N, C-alpha and C. Protein backbone atom coordinates (compact mmCIF):
# COMPACT_ATOMS: atom_id res chain seq x y z
N UNK A 1 -11.67 -7.32 7.96
CA UNK A 1 -10.22 -7.37 7.84
C UNK A 1 -9.69 -6.27 6.95
N UNK A 2 -10.58 -5.71 6.10
CA UNK A 2 -10.13 -4.60 5.25
C UNK A 2 -9.79 -3.37 6.07
N UNK A 3 -10.34 -3.25 7.28
CA UNK A 3 -10.06 -2.10 8.15
C UNK A 3 -8.76 -2.28 8.95
N UNK A 4 -8.19 -3.49 8.94
CA UNK A 4 -6.93 -3.70 9.67
C UNK A 4 -5.88 -2.73 9.16
N UNK A 5 -5.16 -2.06 10.05
CA UNK A 5 -4.14 -1.11 9.58
C UNK A 5 -2.91 -1.84 9.02
N UNK A 6 -2.32 -1.25 8.00
CA UNK A 6 -1.07 -1.76 7.47
C UNK A 6 0.01 -1.52 8.52
N UNK A 7 0.87 -2.49 8.83
CA UNK A 7 1.88 -2.30 9.87
C UNK A 7 2.87 -1.17 9.57
N UNK A 8 3.19 -0.92 8.30
CA UNK A 8 4.14 0.13 7.96
C UNK A 8 3.47 1.47 7.67
N UNK A 9 2.20 1.43 7.30
CA UNK A 9 1.43 2.65 7.02
C UNK A 9 0.13 2.57 7.81
N UNK A 10 0.20 2.71 9.15
CA UNK A 10 -0.98 2.44 9.99
C UNK A 10 -2.16 3.38 9.77
N UNK A 11 -1.97 4.44 9.02
CA UNK A 11 -3.09 5.35 8.76
C UNK A 11 -4.03 4.83 7.68
N UNK A 12 -3.66 3.73 7.04
CA UNK A 12 -4.46 3.19 5.93
C UNK A 12 -4.77 1.72 6.21
N UNK A 13 -6.00 1.34 5.96
CA UNK A 13 -6.42 -0.04 6.14
C UNK A 13 -5.98 -0.91 4.97
N UNK A 14 -5.92 -2.22 5.21
CA UNK A 14 -5.50 -3.15 4.16
C UNK A 14 -6.43 -3.10 2.96
N UNK A 15 -7.70 -2.82 3.18
CA UNK A 15 -8.65 -2.72 2.06
C UNK A 15 -8.35 -1.52 1.19
N UNK A 16 -8.12 -0.35 1.82
CA UNK A 16 -7.80 0.85 1.05
C UNK A 16 -6.43 0.76 0.40
N UNK A 17 -5.52 -0.01 0.97
CA UNK A 17 -4.22 -0.22 0.36
C UNK A 17 -4.33 -1.16 -0.84
N UNK A 18 -5.38 -1.96 -0.86
CA UNK A 18 -5.62 -2.85 -2.00
C UNK A 18 -4.85 -4.15 -1.96
N UNK A 19 -4.45 -4.59 -0.77
CA UNK A 19 -3.69 -5.84 -0.69
C UNK A 19 -4.56 -7.07 -0.44
N UNK A 20 -5.85 -6.85 -0.11
CA UNK A 20 -6.76 -7.98 0.10
C UNK A 20 -7.33 -8.36 -1.26
N UNK A 21 -7.12 -9.60 -1.65
CA UNK A 21 -7.69 -10.11 -2.89
C UNK A 21 -9.07 -10.68 -2.60
N UNK A 22 -9.28 -11.92 -2.96
CA UNK A 22 -10.59 -12.53 -2.71
C UNK A 22 -10.66 -13.11 -1.31
N UNK A 23 -11.88 -13.18 -0.81
CA UNK A 23 -12.18 -13.86 0.45
C UNK A 23 -13.31 -14.82 0.11
N UNK A 24 -12.98 -16.12 0.09
CA UNK A 24 -13.95 -17.11 -0.36
C UNK A 24 -13.61 -18.48 0.24
N UNK A 25 -14.59 -19.38 0.28
CA UNK A 25 -14.29 -20.74 0.74
C UNK A 25 -13.29 -21.42 -0.20
N UNK A 26 -12.33 -22.14 0.39
CA UNK A 26 -11.39 -22.92 -0.40
C UNK A 26 -12.00 -24.24 -0.81
N UNK A 27 -11.22 -25.08 -1.47
CA UNK A 27 -11.71 -26.38 -1.95
C UNK A 27 -12.20 -27.24 -0.80
N UNK A 28 -11.62 -27.09 0.39
CA UNK A 28 -12.03 -27.89 1.55
C UNK A 28 -13.15 -27.24 2.35
N UNK A 29 -13.66 -26.09 1.90
CA UNK A 29 -14.75 -25.40 2.58
C UNK A 29 -14.30 -24.38 3.60
N UNK A 30 -13.02 -24.38 3.97
CA UNK A 30 -12.52 -23.39 4.92
C UNK A 30 -12.31 -22.05 4.23
N UNK A 31 -12.58 -20.98 4.94
CA UNK A 31 -12.45 -19.64 4.38
C UNK A 31 -10.99 -19.36 4.04
N UNK A 32 -10.77 -18.78 2.88
CA UNK A 32 -9.42 -18.50 2.40
C UNK A 32 -9.34 -17.02 1.98
N UNK A 33 -8.33 -16.34 2.46
CA UNK A 33 -8.12 -14.92 2.15
C UNK A 33 -6.86 -14.81 1.32
N UNK A 34 -6.97 -14.15 0.18
CA UNK A 34 -5.80 -13.90 -0.67
C UNK A 34 -5.22 -12.53 -0.31
N UNK A 35 -3.91 -12.50 -0.11
CA UNK A 35 -3.20 -11.26 0.19
C UNK A 35 -2.14 -11.04 -0.88
N UNK A 36 -2.11 -9.84 -1.43
CA UNK A 36 -1.11 -9.47 -2.42
C UNK A 36 -0.07 -8.58 -1.75
N UNK A 37 1.14 -9.06 -1.53
CA UNK A 37 2.15 -8.21 -0.88
C UNK A 37 2.53 -7.05 -1.80
N UNK A 38 2.84 -5.91 -1.20
CA UNK A 38 3.23 -4.75 -2.00
C UNK A 38 4.60 -4.97 -2.63
N UNK A 39 5.44 -5.74 -1.99
CA UNK A 39 6.78 -6.05 -2.49
C UNK A 39 7.11 -7.49 -2.14
N UNK A 40 7.90 -8.13 -2.98
CA UNK A 40 8.43 -9.45 -2.61
C UNK A 40 9.33 -9.24 -1.41
N UNK A 41 9.18 -10.07 -0.43
CA UNK A 41 9.99 -9.94 0.77
C UNK A 41 9.54 -8.80 1.68
N UNK A 42 8.30 -8.36 1.53
CA UNK A 42 7.77 -7.28 2.36
C UNK A 42 7.90 -7.68 3.83
N UNK A 43 8.61 -6.89 4.65
CA UNK A 43 8.79 -7.27 6.05
C UNK A 43 7.51 -7.21 6.87
N UNK A 44 6.48 -6.53 6.36
CA UNK A 44 5.22 -6.43 7.09
C UNK A 44 4.30 -7.62 6.86
N UNK A 45 4.61 -8.47 5.88
CA UNK A 45 3.71 -9.56 5.52
C UNK A 45 3.40 -10.51 6.68
N UNK A 46 4.37 -10.94 7.48
CA UNK A 46 4.01 -11.83 8.61
C UNK A 46 3.03 -11.18 9.59
N UNK A 47 3.18 -9.89 9.84
CA UNK A 47 2.26 -9.20 10.75
C UNK A 47 0.87 -9.09 10.12
N UNK A 48 0.80 -8.86 8.82
CA UNK A 48 -0.48 -8.78 8.11
C UNK A 48 -1.19 -10.13 8.17
N UNK A 49 -0.45 -11.21 7.89
CA UNK A 49 -1.03 -12.55 7.92
C UNK A 49 -1.54 -12.88 9.32
N UNK A 50 -0.75 -12.58 10.35
CA UNK A 50 -1.16 -12.87 11.73
C UNK A 50 -2.43 -12.09 12.10
N UNK A 51 -2.52 -10.83 11.69
CA UNK A 51 -3.70 -10.02 12.00
C UNK A 51 -4.93 -10.56 11.30
N UNK A 52 -4.79 -10.98 10.05
CA UNK A 52 -5.93 -11.55 9.31
C UNK A 52 -6.36 -12.87 9.94
N UNK A 53 -5.39 -13.70 10.35
CA UNK A 53 -5.73 -14.97 11.00
C UNK A 53 -6.49 -14.73 12.29
N UNK A 54 -6.13 -13.67 13.04
CA UNK A 54 -6.86 -13.33 14.27
C UNK A 54 -8.30 -12.95 13.96
N UNK A 55 -8.49 -12.17 12.89
CA UNK A 55 -9.84 -11.77 12.50
C UNK A 55 -10.65 -12.98 12.06
N UNK A 56 -10.02 -13.88 11.31
CA UNK A 56 -10.72 -15.10 10.88
C UNK A 56 -11.16 -15.92 12.09
N UNK A 57 -10.25 -16.12 13.05
CA UNK A 57 -10.58 -16.91 14.24
C UNK A 57 -11.68 -16.24 15.06
N UNK A 58 -11.58 -14.90 15.23
CA UNK A 58 -12.58 -14.17 16.00
C UNK A 58 -13.94 -14.19 15.30
N UNK A 59 -13.93 -14.32 13.98
CA UNK A 59 -15.17 -14.36 13.22
C UNK A 59 -15.74 -15.75 13.05
N UNK A 60 -15.19 -16.72 13.78
CA UNK A 60 -15.73 -18.08 13.72
C UNK A 60 -15.11 -18.96 12.65
N UNK A 61 -13.95 -18.57 12.15
CA UNK A 61 -13.25 -19.36 11.12
C UNK A 61 -11.82 -19.70 11.59
N UNK A 62 -11.71 -20.49 12.68
CA UNK A 62 -10.37 -20.79 13.20
C UNK A 62 -9.52 -21.59 12.22
N UNK A 63 -10.15 -22.29 11.28
CA UNK A 63 -9.40 -23.06 10.28
C UNK A 63 -9.19 -22.26 8.99
N UNK A 64 -9.60 -21.00 9.00
CA UNK A 64 -9.38 -20.15 7.83
C UNK A 64 -7.90 -19.96 7.58
N UNK A 65 -7.56 -19.64 6.37
CA UNK A 65 -6.14 -19.49 6.06
C UNK A 65 -5.92 -18.28 5.16
N UNK A 66 -4.69 -17.81 5.18
CA UNK A 66 -4.27 -16.68 4.36
C UNK A 66 -3.29 -17.21 3.33
N UNK A 67 -3.54 -16.83 2.08
CA UNK A 67 -2.69 -17.29 0.99
C UNK A 67 -2.07 -16.08 0.30
N UNK A 68 -0.74 -16.09 0.18
CA UNK A 68 -0.03 -15.02 -0.51
C UNK A 68 -0.17 -15.22 -2.01
N UNK A 69 -0.60 -14.17 -2.72
CA UNK A 69 -0.82 -14.24 -4.16
C UNK A 69 0.13 -13.27 -4.84
N UNK A 70 0.90 -13.77 -5.79
CA UNK A 70 1.86 -12.92 -6.50
C UNK A 70 1.40 -12.55 -7.90
N UNK A 71 0.38 -13.23 -8.41
CA UNK A 71 -0.14 -12.92 -9.75
C UNK A 71 -1.65 -12.90 -9.68
N UNK A 72 -2.30 -11.84 -10.04
CA UNK A 72 -1.67 -10.62 -10.55
C UNK A 72 -0.95 -9.89 -9.42
N UNK A 73 0.11 -9.21 -9.78
CA UNK A 73 0.91 -8.48 -8.81
C UNK A 73 0.17 -7.25 -8.31
N UNK A 74 0.40 -6.91 -7.06
CA UNK A 74 -0.15 -5.68 -6.51
C UNK A 74 0.49 -4.49 -7.21
N UNK A 75 -0.29 -3.46 -7.47
CA UNK A 75 0.25 -2.20 -7.98
C UNK A 75 -0.38 -1.07 -7.18
N UNK A 76 0.21 0.09 -7.25
CA UNK A 76 -0.34 1.24 -6.53
C UNK A 76 -1.68 1.67 -7.10
N UNK A 77 -2.06 1.17 -8.27
CA UNK A 77 -3.39 1.45 -8.81
C UNK A 77 -4.48 0.84 -7.94
N UNK A 78 -4.14 -0.12 -7.10
CA UNK A 78 -5.12 -0.76 -6.23
C UNK A 78 -5.47 0.09 -5.00
N UNK A 79 -4.70 1.14 -4.73
CA UNK A 79 -4.99 2.02 -3.60
C UNK A 79 -6.26 2.80 -3.93
N UNK A 80 -7.22 2.78 -3.02
CA UNK A 80 -8.48 3.48 -3.25
C UNK A 80 -8.28 4.99 -3.14
N UNK A 81 -9.28 5.74 -3.61
CA UNK A 81 -9.24 7.20 -3.50
C UNK A 81 -9.17 7.61 -2.03
N UNK A 82 -9.91 6.91 -1.18
CA UNK A 82 -9.88 7.21 0.26
C UNK A 82 -8.49 6.92 0.83
N UNK A 83 -7.87 5.84 0.37
CA UNK A 83 -6.52 5.51 0.83
C UNK A 83 -5.50 6.55 0.39
N UNK A 84 -5.62 7.01 -0.85
CA UNK A 84 -4.72 8.06 -1.35
C UNK A 84 -4.87 9.35 -0.53
N UNK A 85 -6.12 9.69 -0.21
CA UNK A 85 -6.38 10.90 0.57
C UNK A 85 -5.79 10.75 1.98
N UNK A 86 -5.93 9.58 2.57
CA UNK A 86 -5.40 9.34 3.92
C UNK A 86 -3.87 9.41 3.93
N UNK A 87 -3.23 8.83 2.92
CA UNK A 87 -1.77 8.91 2.81
C UNK A 87 -1.34 10.37 2.71
N UNK A 88 -1.98 11.12 1.83
CA UNK A 88 -1.63 12.53 1.64
C UNK A 88 -1.85 13.33 2.92
N UNK A 89 -2.93 13.03 3.65
CA UNK A 89 -3.21 13.73 4.91
C UNK A 89 -2.13 13.48 5.96
N UNK A 90 -1.41 12.37 5.81
CA UNK A 90 -0.33 12.04 6.74
C UNK A 90 1.05 12.32 6.16
N UNK A 91 1.10 13.13 5.12
CA UNK A 91 2.38 13.57 4.58
C UNK A 91 3.07 12.59 3.66
N UNK A 92 2.35 11.59 3.14
CA UNK A 92 2.93 10.62 2.22
C UNK A 92 2.29 10.83 0.86
N UNK A 93 3.12 11.10 -0.15
CA UNK A 93 2.60 11.34 -1.48
C UNK A 93 2.39 10.02 -2.20
N UNK A 94 1.13 9.66 -2.47
CA UNK A 94 0.90 8.44 -3.23
C UNK A 94 1.13 8.71 -4.71
N UNK A 95 1.54 7.70 -5.46
CA UNK A 95 1.70 7.91 -6.90
C UNK A 95 0.34 8.07 -7.55
N UNK A 96 0.32 8.80 -8.65
CA UNK A 96 -0.92 8.94 -9.40
C UNK A 96 -1.26 7.60 -10.02
N UNK A 97 -2.54 7.30 -10.19
CA UNK A 97 -2.90 6.03 -10.84
C UNK A 97 -2.30 5.96 -12.24
N UNK A 98 -1.75 4.79 -12.57
CA UNK A 98 -1.13 4.62 -13.88
C UNK A 98 -2.19 4.55 -14.98
N UNK A 99 -3.34 4.00 -14.65
CA UNK A 99 -4.42 3.92 -15.63
C UNK A 99 -4.25 2.74 -16.56
N UNK A 100 -3.53 2.90 -17.61
CA UNK A 100 -3.37 1.84 -18.62
C UNK A 100 -2.18 0.95 -18.29
N UNK A 101 -2.19 -0.24 -18.86
CA UNK A 101 -1.03 -1.12 -18.71
C UNK A 101 0.16 -0.50 -19.40
N UNK A 102 1.33 -0.83 -18.93
CA UNK A 102 2.54 -0.31 -19.55
C UNK A 102 3.48 0.23 -18.51
N UNK A 103 4.58 0.79 -18.95
CA UNK A 103 5.57 1.28 -17.99
C UNK A 103 5.06 2.50 -17.23
N UNK A 104 5.57 2.65 -16.02
CA UNK A 104 5.24 3.81 -15.20
C UNK A 104 6.30 4.87 -15.51
N UNK A 105 5.86 5.99 -16.01
CA UNK A 105 6.79 7.06 -16.34
C UNK A 105 7.09 7.88 -15.10
N UNK A 106 8.36 8.10 -14.85
CA UNK A 106 8.79 8.92 -13.72
C UNK A 106 9.12 10.30 -14.26
N UNK A 107 8.39 11.29 -13.79
CA UNK A 107 8.60 12.65 -14.24
C UNK A 107 8.91 13.51 -13.04
N UNK A 108 10.04 14.20 -13.09
CA UNK A 108 10.42 15.07 -11.99
C UNK A 108 9.43 16.22 -11.87
N UNK A 109 9.11 16.57 -10.65
CA UNK A 109 8.23 17.69 -10.41
C UNK A 109 6.75 17.39 -10.62
N UNK A 110 6.39 16.15 -10.79
CA UNK A 110 4.99 15.81 -11.02
C UNK A 110 4.31 15.31 -9.76
N UNK A 111 5.06 15.05 -8.71
CA UNK A 111 4.48 14.58 -7.45
C UNK A 111 4.23 15.80 -6.57
N UNK A 112 2.97 16.11 -6.26
CA UNK A 112 2.70 17.28 -5.44
C UNK A 112 3.12 17.07 -3.99
N UNK A 113 3.62 18.12 -3.39
CA UNK A 113 4.01 18.09 -1.99
C UNK A 113 2.76 17.93 -1.13
N UNK A 114 2.73 16.97 -0.21
CA UNK A 114 1.55 16.81 0.64
C UNK A 114 1.42 17.91 1.69
N UNK A 115 2.47 18.72 1.87
CA UNK A 115 2.43 19.79 2.86
C UNK A 115 1.88 21.10 2.29
N UNK A 116 2.38 21.49 1.08
CA UNK A 116 1.96 22.78 0.53
C UNK A 116 1.28 22.66 -0.84
N UNK A 117 1.31 21.48 -1.46
CA UNK A 117 0.66 21.27 -2.75
C UNK A 117 1.49 21.63 -3.96
N UNK A 118 2.67 22.19 -3.74
CA UNK A 118 3.52 22.58 -4.86
C UNK A 118 4.00 21.36 -5.64
N UNK A 119 4.15 21.53 -6.94
CA UNK A 119 4.70 20.46 -7.77
C UNK A 119 6.20 20.66 -7.99
N UNK A 120 6.78 21.59 -7.27
CA UNK A 120 8.22 21.83 -7.36
C UNK A 120 8.93 20.86 -6.42
N UNK A 121 8.88 19.59 -6.76
CA UNK A 121 9.47 18.53 -5.92
C UNK A 121 10.56 17.81 -6.69
N UNK A 122 11.52 17.31 -5.95
CA UNK A 122 12.66 16.62 -6.54
C UNK A 122 13.02 15.40 -5.69
N UNK A 123 13.63 14.38 -6.32
CA UNK A 123 14.08 13.23 -5.53
C UNK A 123 15.15 13.65 -4.52
N UNK A 124 15.07 13.07 -3.35
CA UNK A 124 16.08 13.32 -2.32
C UNK A 124 16.86 12.04 -2.03
N UNK A 125 16.14 10.92 -1.92
CA UNK A 125 16.78 9.64 -1.64
C UNK A 125 15.89 8.52 -2.17
N UNK A 126 16.51 7.51 -2.74
CA UNK A 126 15.75 6.34 -3.21
C UNK A 126 15.27 5.51 -2.04
N UNK A 127 15.77 5.79 -0.85
CA UNK A 127 15.42 5.01 0.33
C UNK A 127 14.59 5.85 1.28
N UNK A 128 13.45 5.30 1.72
CA UNK A 128 12.57 6.00 2.63
C UNK A 128 12.38 5.22 3.91
N UNK A 129 11.31 5.53 4.65
CA UNK A 129 11.05 4.87 5.92
C UNK A 129 10.77 3.37 5.80
N UNK A 130 10.36 2.92 4.61
CA UNK A 130 10.15 1.50 4.38
C UNK A 130 10.58 1.18 2.96
N UNK A 131 10.63 -0.10 2.63
CA UNK A 131 11.09 -0.52 1.30
C UNK A 131 10.24 0.03 0.16
N UNK A 132 8.98 0.29 0.44
CA UNK A 132 8.07 0.72 -0.62
C UNK A 132 8.00 2.24 -0.75
N UNK A 133 8.92 2.96 -0.10
CA UNK A 133 8.89 4.41 -0.15
C UNK A 133 10.26 4.99 -0.51
N UNK A 134 10.25 6.13 -1.18
CA UNK A 134 11.45 6.92 -1.42
C UNK A 134 11.20 8.29 -0.79
N UNK A 135 12.22 9.13 -0.78
CA UNK A 135 12.07 10.46 -0.19
C UNK A 135 12.19 11.52 -1.27
N UNK A 136 11.29 12.49 -1.20
CA UNK A 136 11.32 13.64 -2.11
C UNK A 136 11.48 14.91 -1.27
N UNK A 137 11.93 15.98 -1.92
CA UNK A 137 12.05 17.28 -1.26
C UNK A 137 11.24 18.29 -2.06
N UNK A 138 10.51 19.11 -1.36
CA UNK A 138 9.76 20.19 -1.99
C UNK A 138 10.66 21.42 -2.01
N UNK A 139 10.88 21.97 -3.20
CA UNK A 139 11.74 23.16 -3.29
C UNK A 139 10.97 24.44 -2.94
N UNK A 140 9.66 24.34 -2.80
CA UNK A 140 8.86 25.51 -2.42
C UNK A 140 8.85 25.70 -0.90
N UNK A 141 8.49 24.64 -0.16
CA UNK A 141 8.42 24.77 1.30
C UNK A 141 9.62 24.11 2.00
N UNK A 142 10.48 23.46 1.23
CA UNK A 142 11.72 22.84 1.72
C UNK A 142 11.50 21.64 2.64
N UNK A 143 10.31 21.07 2.61
CA UNK A 143 10.01 19.89 3.44
C UNK A 143 10.40 18.61 2.71
N UNK A 144 10.91 17.64 3.45
CA UNK A 144 11.12 16.28 2.95
C UNK A 144 9.82 15.52 3.18
N UNK A 145 9.50 14.60 2.26
CA UNK A 145 8.32 13.78 2.47
C UNK A 145 8.49 12.44 1.77
N UNK A 146 7.90 11.38 2.36
CA UNK A 146 7.97 10.07 1.72
C UNK A 146 7.00 9.98 0.55
N UNK A 147 7.38 9.22 -0.44
CA UNK A 147 6.57 9.00 -1.64
C UNK A 147 6.42 7.49 -1.80
N UNK A 148 5.19 7.03 -1.85
CA UNK A 148 4.94 5.60 -2.06
C UNK A 148 5.38 5.26 -3.48
N UNK A 149 6.32 4.36 -3.61
CA UNK A 149 6.92 4.05 -4.89
C UNK A 149 5.91 3.38 -5.80
N UNK A 150 5.83 3.84 -7.03
CA UNK A 150 4.92 3.26 -8.02
C UNK A 150 5.46 1.94 -8.52
N UNK A 151 4.56 0.97 -8.67
CA UNK A 151 4.92 -0.34 -9.20
C UNK A 151 4.13 -0.60 -10.44
């Protein structure tokens, strides 16, 4: 199920996106999958749950269930290195790992352009192709590109 594509970012699997928590038997013995949504009210969550339920049923666990987990909250630090590379290869700038706990500092010009690599980037719009993305503009190559919003 970690290879299932994210409905909004189909170039990255749910495992590389870091939304799959534990997969273990529940108290009743049925397999239980924890899913951490990237955002509260994520419109892709029903599709993610349905896809995981299909995998559970196909794998011999028709009574398996998916449980939405809000704590600990998903953060972009959960995106794997392979996932970050895949996002960048498709023109989406992933945020740098935050590393330590604390606030995420937003610094202009620190997000490299996925097209030319320049750090001469600026915000263009707080709204992108999905709720978890904003749009940036590269002042070097003049391309617009989505940026996965840091949480």
